[in-house]
């Protein structure tokens, strides 16, 4: 009887050990799954500003110096989450890793502010999230997924706002997809009446990006005039003795495609997008302009702000004020797309 009891107790002890091991590994697997899911919903943002203006070159040798977690103040902007510090040939690079939903809140604040109509804020939340998920998908093996400047979308660190947080929560995890994949959700400030075809800007067509007419007259950039001294243009283009600038060709939406520049060395043809980049995006707000000479300056009269492709932010705001909901607005600017949750992608 004693041996039978011992055997029975040993068997129970063995079962308890197995149960404990099963429970431990189940708990470990559960926590590991949560960690993996959390990591998958994070995004790595390269901080680009006046202090850290550069982006790592394609083949640049870089090394990781360390990481910190908490708050980091850079040029008056507060970044929360994890900060990785990398050293490269061009200097230091700071990469902020944080949950995508938190990132989206801060992008919406930086891109359009918090006082816009709620449906317009929801629109911005969905396209900012979509753009982030797309960039992460494309740059998953890189040390960062997306930059914090207009090169991608504006991100100025943690700027909590109740209305924006509500718009992000109401559209939580929603992204625009086409053929079951996140789209490249291009957007811009002001189209000037009609959005641009992507092939005229990026040299590539997209089935969900077509030129559409959009009323954005409420934008401060619906019409503008810029007087730029010729010496400034010469310095930007590394040319001397500019005598004349004229429009050579237009895009399909009547934006300037190419310009002829006559100087002491003859005539040079440049793309209007290259002129914008050289002068500065805000210095020449768009390529939808006319140009004339006035003494030592060139007068640019134009409409719109940005490359003109995809959603027009001020046009979306106008539609929201007219009673359109965010799904209707997104469908108008990105025809053929479907809203899905990004975890399932």
Protein backbone atom coordinates (compact mmCIF):
# COMPACT_ATOMS: atom_id res chain seq x y z
CA UNK A 1 0.00 0.00 0.00
CA UNK A 2 2.86 2.33 0.85
CA UNK A 3 4.52 1.75 -2.53
CA UNK A 4 1.22 2.27 -4.33
CA UNK A 5 0.73 5.60 -2.50
CA UNK A 6 4.26 6.64 -3.36
CA UNK A 7 3.72 5.77 -7.01
CA UNK A 8 0.41 7.64 -7.01
CA UNK A 9 2.01 10.72 -5.41
CA UNK A 10 4.92 10.55 -7.84
CA UNK A 11 2.49 10.39 -10.73
CA UNK A 12 0.60 13.39 -9.41
CA UNK A 13 3.87 15.27 -8.91
CA UNK A 14 4.88 14.47 -12.48
CA UNK A 15 1.54 15.72 -13.77
CA UNK A 16 1.90 18.91 -11.74
CA UNK A 17 5.37 19.47 -13.18
CA UNK A 18 4.08 18.97 -16.70
CA UNK A 19 1.16 21.31 -16.01
CA UNK A 20 3.54 23.91 -14.60
CA UNK A 21 5.85 23.61 -17.61
CA UNK A 22 2.89 23.86 -19.99
CA UNK A 23 1.57 26.92 -18.12
CA UNK A 24 5.02 28.57 -18.09
CA UNK A 25 5.60 28.10 -21.80
CA UNK A 26 2.03 29.15 -22.61
CA UNK A 27 2.56 32.31 -20.59
CA UNK A 28 5.93 32.90 -22.25
CA UNK A 29 4.43 32.35 -25.68
CA UNK A 30 1.54 34.69 -24.84
CA UNK A 31 3.89 37.45 -23.72
CA UNK A 32 6.17 36.84 -26.68
CA UNK A 33 3.18 37.08 -29.01
CA UNK A 34 2.11 40.35 -27.38
CA UNK A 35 5.65 41.70 -27.71
CA UNK A 36 5.83 40.63 -31.36
CA UNK A 37 2.45 42.21 -32.10
CA UNK A 38 3.53 45.39 -30.33
CA UNK A 39 6.81 45.50 -32.27
CA UNK A 40 4.98 44.96 -35.53
CA UNK A 41 2.74 47.96 -34.87
CA UNK A 42 5.67 50.27 -34.14
CA UNK A 43 7.29 52.55 -36.67
CA UNK A 44 10.84 53.95 -36.81
CA UNK A 45 10.95 57.64 -37.71
CA UNK A 46 14.16 59.38 -38.77
CA UNK A 47 14.17 62.82 -37.13
CA UNK A 48 14.97 65.46 -39.76
CA UNK A 49 15.26 69.12 -38.75
CA UNK A 50 17.71 72.04 -38.71
CA UNK A 51 19.98 70.25 -36.23
CA UNK A 52 19.80 66.87 -37.98
CA UNK A 53 19.05 67.77 -41.62
CA UNK A 54 20.62 64.80 -43.38
CA UNK A 55 19.34 61.41 -44.42
CA UNK A 56 21.74 58.43 -44.57
CA UNK A 57 23.09 57.83 -48.07
CA UNK A 58 22.26 54.50 -49.68
CA UNK A 59 25.68 52.91 -49.09
CA UNK A 60 26.75 55.03 -46.12
CA UNK A 61 28.56 53.19 -43.33
CA UNK A 62 26.75 53.74 -40.05
CA UNK A 63 27.05 52.29 -36.57
CA UNK A 64 24.69 52.27 -33.64
CA UNK A 65 25.94 54.25 -30.64
CA UNK A 66 23.12 53.39 -28.28
CA UNK A 67 19.47 53.71 -27.34
CA UNK A 68 17.44 55.65 -24.80
CA UNK A 69 13.83 55.41 -23.70
CA UNK A 70 11.70 58.26 -22.44
CA UNK A 71 11.49 61.88 -23.55
CA UNK A 72 14.00 63.66 -25.75
CA UNK A 73 13.82 67.40 -26.45
CA UNK A 74 15.23 68.48 -29.83
CA UNK A 75 14.80 72.05 -31.12
CA UNK A 76 11.74 72.52 -28.91
CA UNK A 77 10.10 69.28 -30.04
CA UNK A 78 9.53 66.46 -27.55
CA UNK A 79 9.94 62.89 -28.78
CA UNK A 80 8.67 59.97 -26.71
CA UNK A 81 9.23 56.24 -27.02
CA UNK A 82 12.55 54.70 -27.94
CA UNK A 83 15.37 56.77 -29.46
CA UNK A 84 18.21 55.05 -31.35
CA UNK A 85 21.36 57.07 -31.96
CA UNK A 86 23.42 56.19 -35.05
CA UNK A 87 26.70 57.64 -36.26
CA UNK A 88 27.45 57.90 -39.96
CA UNK A 89 29.74 59.70 -42.35
CA UNK A 90 27.33 62.65 -42.41
CA UNK A 91 27.02 62.96 -38.63
CA UNK A 92 24.52 61.69 -36.10
CA UNK A 93 21.11 60.25 -36.93
CA UNK A 94 18.26 60.03 -34.42
CA UNK A 95 15.53 57.46 -34.95
CA UNK A 96 12.36 57.59 -32.90
CA UNK A 97 10.50 54.28 -32.54
CA UNK A 98 6.92 54.51 -31.31
CA UNK A 99 3.49 52.89 -31.86
CA UNK A 100 1.98 53.74 -35.24
CA UNK A 101 -1.25 55.04 -33.69
CA UNK A 102 0.68 57.50 -31.49
CA UNK A 103 2.71 58.56 -34.51
CA UNK A 104 -0.45 59.17 -36.54
CA UNK A 105 -1.85 61.50 -33.86
CA UNK A 106 1.28 63.65 -33.99
CA UNK A 107 1.37 63.68 -37.80
CA UNK A 108 -2.23 64.88 -38.02
CA UNK A 109 -1.47 67.74 -35.63
CA UNK A 110 1.64 68.69 -37.63
CA UNK A 111 0.00 68.36 -41.04
CA UNK A 112 -3.36 70.11 -40.58
CA UNK A 113 -3.68 71.21 -36.97
CA UNK A 114 -6.54 70.38 -34.64
CA UNK A 115 -9.21 72.97 -35.50
CA UNK A 116 -10.29 71.39 -38.80
CA UNK A 117 -13.68 69.72 -39.20
CA UNK A 118 -13.77 66.27 -37.62
CA UNK A 119 -14.33 64.40 -40.90
CA UNK A 120 -11.29 66.14 -42.39
CA UNK A 121 -9.23 65.09 -39.37
CA UNK A 122 -10.39 61.50 -39.86
CA UNK A 123 -9.35 61.73 -43.52
CA UNK A 124 -5.89 62.89 -42.51
CA UNK A 125 -5.63 60.14 -39.91
CA UNK A 126 -6.38 57.41 -42.47
CA UNK A 127 -4.00 58.70 -45.16
CA UNK A 128 -1.18 59.39 -42.67
CA UNK A 129 -1.57 55.89 -41.25
CA UNK A 130 -1.75 54.38 -44.73
CA UNK A 131 1.37 56.24 -45.84
CA UNK A 132 3.22 55.09 -42.72
CA UNK A 133 2.22 51.43 -43.12
CA UNK A 134 3.20 51.53 -46.80
CA UNK A 135 6.63 53.02 -46.01
CA UNK A 136 7.21 50.49 -43.24
CA UNK A 137 6.33 47.69 -45.64
CA UNK A 138 8.77 49.05 -48.23
CA UNK A 139 11.61 49.87 -45.80
CA UNK A 140 11.24 47.11 -43.24
CA UNK A 141 14.92 46.10 -43.40
CA UNK A 142 16.23 49.65 -43.08
CA UNK A 143 17.29 51.29 -39.81
CA UNK A 144 14.29 53.60 -40.24
CA UNK A 145 10.95 53.38 -42.06
CA UNK A 146 10.04 57.00 -42.68
CA UNK A 147 11.49 60.52 -42.33
CA UNK A 148 9.89 63.26 -40.24
CA UNK A 149 9.96 66.02 -42.89
CA UNK A 150 8.00 66.86 -46.03
CA UNK A 151 10.14 64.25 -47.78
CA UNK A 152 7.53 61.88 -46.37
CA UNK A 153 5.09 63.49 -43.95
CA UNK A 154 5.58 66.07 -41.22
CA UNK A 155 6.18 64.78 -37.69
CA UNK A 156 7.28 67.17 -34.94
CA UNK A 157 7.24 64.88 -31.94
CA UNK A 158 4.63 64.46 -29.25
CA UNK A 159 1.82 67.07 -29.46
CA UNK A 160 -1.25 65.67 -27.69
CA UNK A 161 -4.65 67.02 -28.74
CA UNK A 162 -8.09 65.77 -27.70
CA UNK A 163 -9.89 66.32 -31.03
CA UNK A 164 -7.12 64.68 -33.05
CA UNK A 165 -6.94 61.77 -30.62
CA UNK A 166 -10.68 61.25 -31.12
CA UNK A 167 -10.33 61.29 -34.93
CA UNK A 168 -7.50 58.76 -34.77
CA UNK A 169 -9.43 56.52 -32.35
CA UNK A 170 -12.55 56.65 -34.55
CA UNK A 171 -10.49 55.39 -37.51
CA UNK A 172 -8.23 53.13 -35.45
CA UNK A 173 -6.05 50.84 -37.63
CA UNK A 174 -7.89 51.81 -40.82
CA UNK A 175 -5.80 52.10 -43.98
CA UNK A 176 -6.57 52.41 -47.69
CA UNK A 177 -5.84 49.33 -49.77
CA UNK A 178 -5.90 48.37 -53.42
CA UNK A 179 -5.66 44.70 -54.46
CA UNK A 180 -5.46 43.89 -50.75
CA UNK A 181 -2.25 45.95 -50.27
CA UNK A 182 -1.64 49.34 -48.62
CA UNK A 183 -1.61 52.10 -51.23
CA UNK A 184 1.02 54.80 -51.60
CA UNK A 185 -1.27 57.51 -50.26
CA UNK A 186 0.22 60.66 -51.76
CA UNK A 187 -1.31 63.91 -50.57
CA UNK A 188 -0.56 67.62 -50.64
CA UNK A 189 -1.81 70.93 -49.26
CA UNK A 190 -3.58 72.69 -52.15
CA UNK A 191 -4.19 71.52 -55.71
CA UNK A 192 -5.34 74.87 -57.13
CA UNK A 193 -8.51 73.43 -58.65
CA UNK A 194 -7.33 70.13 -60.10
CA UNK A 195 -5.04 67.39 -58.79
CA UNK A 196 -2.04 66.22 -60.81
CA UNK A 197 -1.47 62.88 -62.55
CA UNK A 198 1.34 60.98 -60.76
CA UNK A 199 3.19 60.12 -63.97
CA UNK A 200 3.87 63.81 -64.56
CA UNK A 201 5.55 64.15 -61.15
CA UNK A 202 6.91 60.73 -60.20
CA UNK A 203 7.14 59.15 -63.65
CA UNK A 204 4.80 56.35 -62.61
CA UNK A 205 1.06 55.77 -62.89
CA UNK A 206 -1.18 54.31 -60.18
CA UNK A 207 -4.67 52.85 -60.76
CA UNK A 208 -6.04 54.67 -57.69
CA UNK A 209 -4.48 58.09 -58.42
CA UNK A 210 -6.24 60.04 -61.15
CA UNK A 211 -6.58 63.78 -61.71
CA UNK A 212 -9.81 65.12 -60.22
CA UNK A 213 -11.26 68.61 -59.89
CA UNK A 214 -11.30 69.87 -56.32
CA UNK A 215 -12.51 73.14 -54.84
CA UNK A 216 -9.79 74.39 -52.47
CA UNK A 217 -10.43 78.14 -52.68
CA UNK A 218 -10.52 78.32 -48.86
CA UNK A 219 -6.78 77.62 -48.85
CA UNK A 220 -4.40 80.54 -48.27
CA UNK A 221 -2.48 79.16 -51.25
CA UNK A 222 -5.40 79.07 -53.68
CA UNK A 223 -3.57 81.94 -55.44
CA UNK A 224 -0.14 83.40 -54.75
CA UNK A 225 2.62 85.59 -56.18
CA UNK A 226 6.35 85.26 -55.55
CA UNK A 227 9.00 87.80 -56.55
CA UNK A 228 12.37 86.03 -56.65
CA UNK A 229 15.58 87.85 -57.48
CA UNK A 230 17.51 86.40 -60.40
CA UNK A 231 20.66 86.18 -58.27
CA UNK A 232 18.79 83.83 -55.90
CA UNK A 233 17.77 81.61 -58.80
CA UNK A 234 21.34 81.62 -60.17
CA UNK A 235 22.71 80.54 -56.81
CA UNK A 236 20.09 77.80 -56.42
CA UNK A 237 20.74 76.38 -59.91
CA UNK A 238 24.49 77.07 -59.96
CA UNK A 239 24.10 79.16 -63.12
CA UNK A 240 25.36 82.65 -63.91
CA UNK A 241 24.11 85.46 -66.10
CA UNK A 242 20.45 84.38 -66.37
CA UNK A 243 18.72 86.56 -68.95
CA UNK A 244 15.38 84.86 -69.47
CA UNK A 245 13.19 82.10 -68.06
CA UNK A 246 10.29 80.79 -70.12
CA UNK A 247 7.93 77.84 -70.00
CA UNK A 248 8.73 75.08 -72.47
CA UNK A 249 6.14 72.36 -71.76
CA UNK A 250 3.10 71.71 -69.58
CA UNK A 251 1.73 68.59 -67.90
CA UNK A 252 -1.69 67.15 -68.74
CA UNK A 253 -3.26 69.29 -65.99
CA UNK A 254 -1.63 72.49 -67.28
CA UNK A 255 1.10 72.68 -64.65
CA UNK A 256 4.59 73.65 -65.78
CA UNK A 257 6.63 70.62 -66.73
CA UNK A 258 9.83 72.12 -68.20
CA UNK A 259 11.44 75.54 -68.32
CA UNK A 260 13.96 77.06 -70.71
CA UNK A 261 16.64 79.18 -69.04
CA UNK A 262 18.78 81.44 -71.20
CA UNK A 263 22.07 82.58 -69.69
CA UNK A 264 25.59 83.56 -70.76
CA UNK A 265 26.41 79.97 -71.71
CA UNK A 266 23.35 79.40 -73.88
CA UNK A 267 20.04 77.73 -73.07
CA UNK A 268 19.36 75.11 -70.41
CA UNK A 269 16.16 73.10 -69.99
CA UNK A 270 15.17 72.04 -66.48
CA UNK A 271 12.17 70.37 -64.91
CA UNK A 272 9.87 72.66 -62.96
CA UNK A 273 9.99 70.19 -60.06
CA UNK A 274 13.78 70.56 -59.96
CA UNK A 275 13.44 74.34 -59.79
CA UNK A 276 11.05 74.00 -56.83
CA UNK A 277 13.46 71.66 -55.06
CA UNK A 278 16.43 73.96 -55.69
CA UNK A 279 14.67 77.12 -54.50
CA UNK A 280 12.80 75.44 -51.65
CA UNK A 281 9.32 73.94 -51.54
CA UNK A 282 7.81 76.95 -49.79
CA UNK A 283 9.74 79.49 -51.87
CA UNK A 284 8.01 78.23 -55.02
CA UNK A 285 4.80 76.64 -53.65
CA UNK A 286 3.82 74.64 -56.76
CA UNK A 287 4.52 74.12 -60.45
CA UNK A 288 1.15 75.63 -61.38
CA UNK A 289 2.44 79.09 -62.32
CA UNK A 290 3.23 81.67 -64.99
CA UNK A 291 6.56 83.49 -65.01
CA UNK A 292 7.64 86.94 -66.22
CA UNK A 293 10.71 89.09 -65.73
CA UNK A 294 10.56 92.41 -63.88
CA UNK A 295 13.95 94.12 -63.72
CA UNK A 296 16.32 92.01 -61.61
CA UNK A 297 13.58 89.66 -60.47
CA UNK A 298 11.29 86.97 -61.85
CA UNK A 299 7.60 87.16 -60.96
CA UNK A 300 5.89 83.80 -60.41
CA UNK A 301 2.09 83.91 -60.25
CA UNK A 302 0.55 80.61 -59.31
CA UNK A 303 -2.01 78.42 -57.61
CA UNK A 304 -1.72 75.61 -55.11
CA UNK A 305 0.90 74.24 -52.75
CA UNK A 306 2.70 70.92 -53.14
CA UNK A 307 3.21 68.35 -55.87
CA UNK A 308 -0.52 68.11 -56.56
CA UNK A 309 -0.77 64.30 -56.56
CA UNK A 310 -3.43 62.46 -54.57
CA UNK A 311 -5.56 64.05 -51.88
CA UNK A 312 -5.82 67.82 -51.64
CA UNK A 313 -5.98 68.63 -47.92
CA UNK A 314 -7.82 71.93 -48.29
CA UNK A 315 -10.14 70.35 -50.84
CA UNK A 316 -10.89 67.59 -48.32
CA UNK A 317 -11.69 70.23 -45.71
CA UNK A 318 -14.09 71.95 -48.10
CA UNK A 319 -15.84 68.63 -48.78
CA UNK A 320 -16.14 68.00 -45.03
CA UNK A 321 -17.73 71.42 -44.60
CA UNK A 322 -20.19 70.51 -47.34
CA UNK A 323 -21.31 67.47 -45.34
CA UNK A 324 -19.23 64.66 -46.84
CA UNK A 325 -17.96 62.02 -44.43
CA UNK A 326 -14.38 60.83 -44.38
CA UNK A 327 -15.07 57.65 -46.33
CA UNK A 328 -16.75 59.59 -49.15
CA UNK A 329 -13.83 62.03 -49.29
CA UNK A 330 -11.24 59.24 -49.41
CA UNK A 331 -13.17 57.44 -52.13
CA UNK A 332 -13.26 60.63 -54.22
CA UNK A 333 -9.51 61.22 -54.13
CA UNK A 334 -8.47 57.53 -54.20
CA UNK A 335 -11.03 55.79 -56.44
CA UNK A 336 -11.16 52.01 -56.26
CA UNK A 337 -9.55 51.75 -52.83
CA UNK A 338 -10.96 49.82 -49.89
CA UNK A 339 -10.59 50.60 -46.18
CA UNK A 340 -9.16 47.67 -44.19
CA UNK A 341 -7.43 47.20 -40.81
CA UNK A 342 -3.65 47.16 -41.08
CA UNK A 343 -3.08 44.25 -38.65
CA UNK A 344 -4.55 41.90 -41.23
CA UNK A 345 -2.14 43.07 -43.94
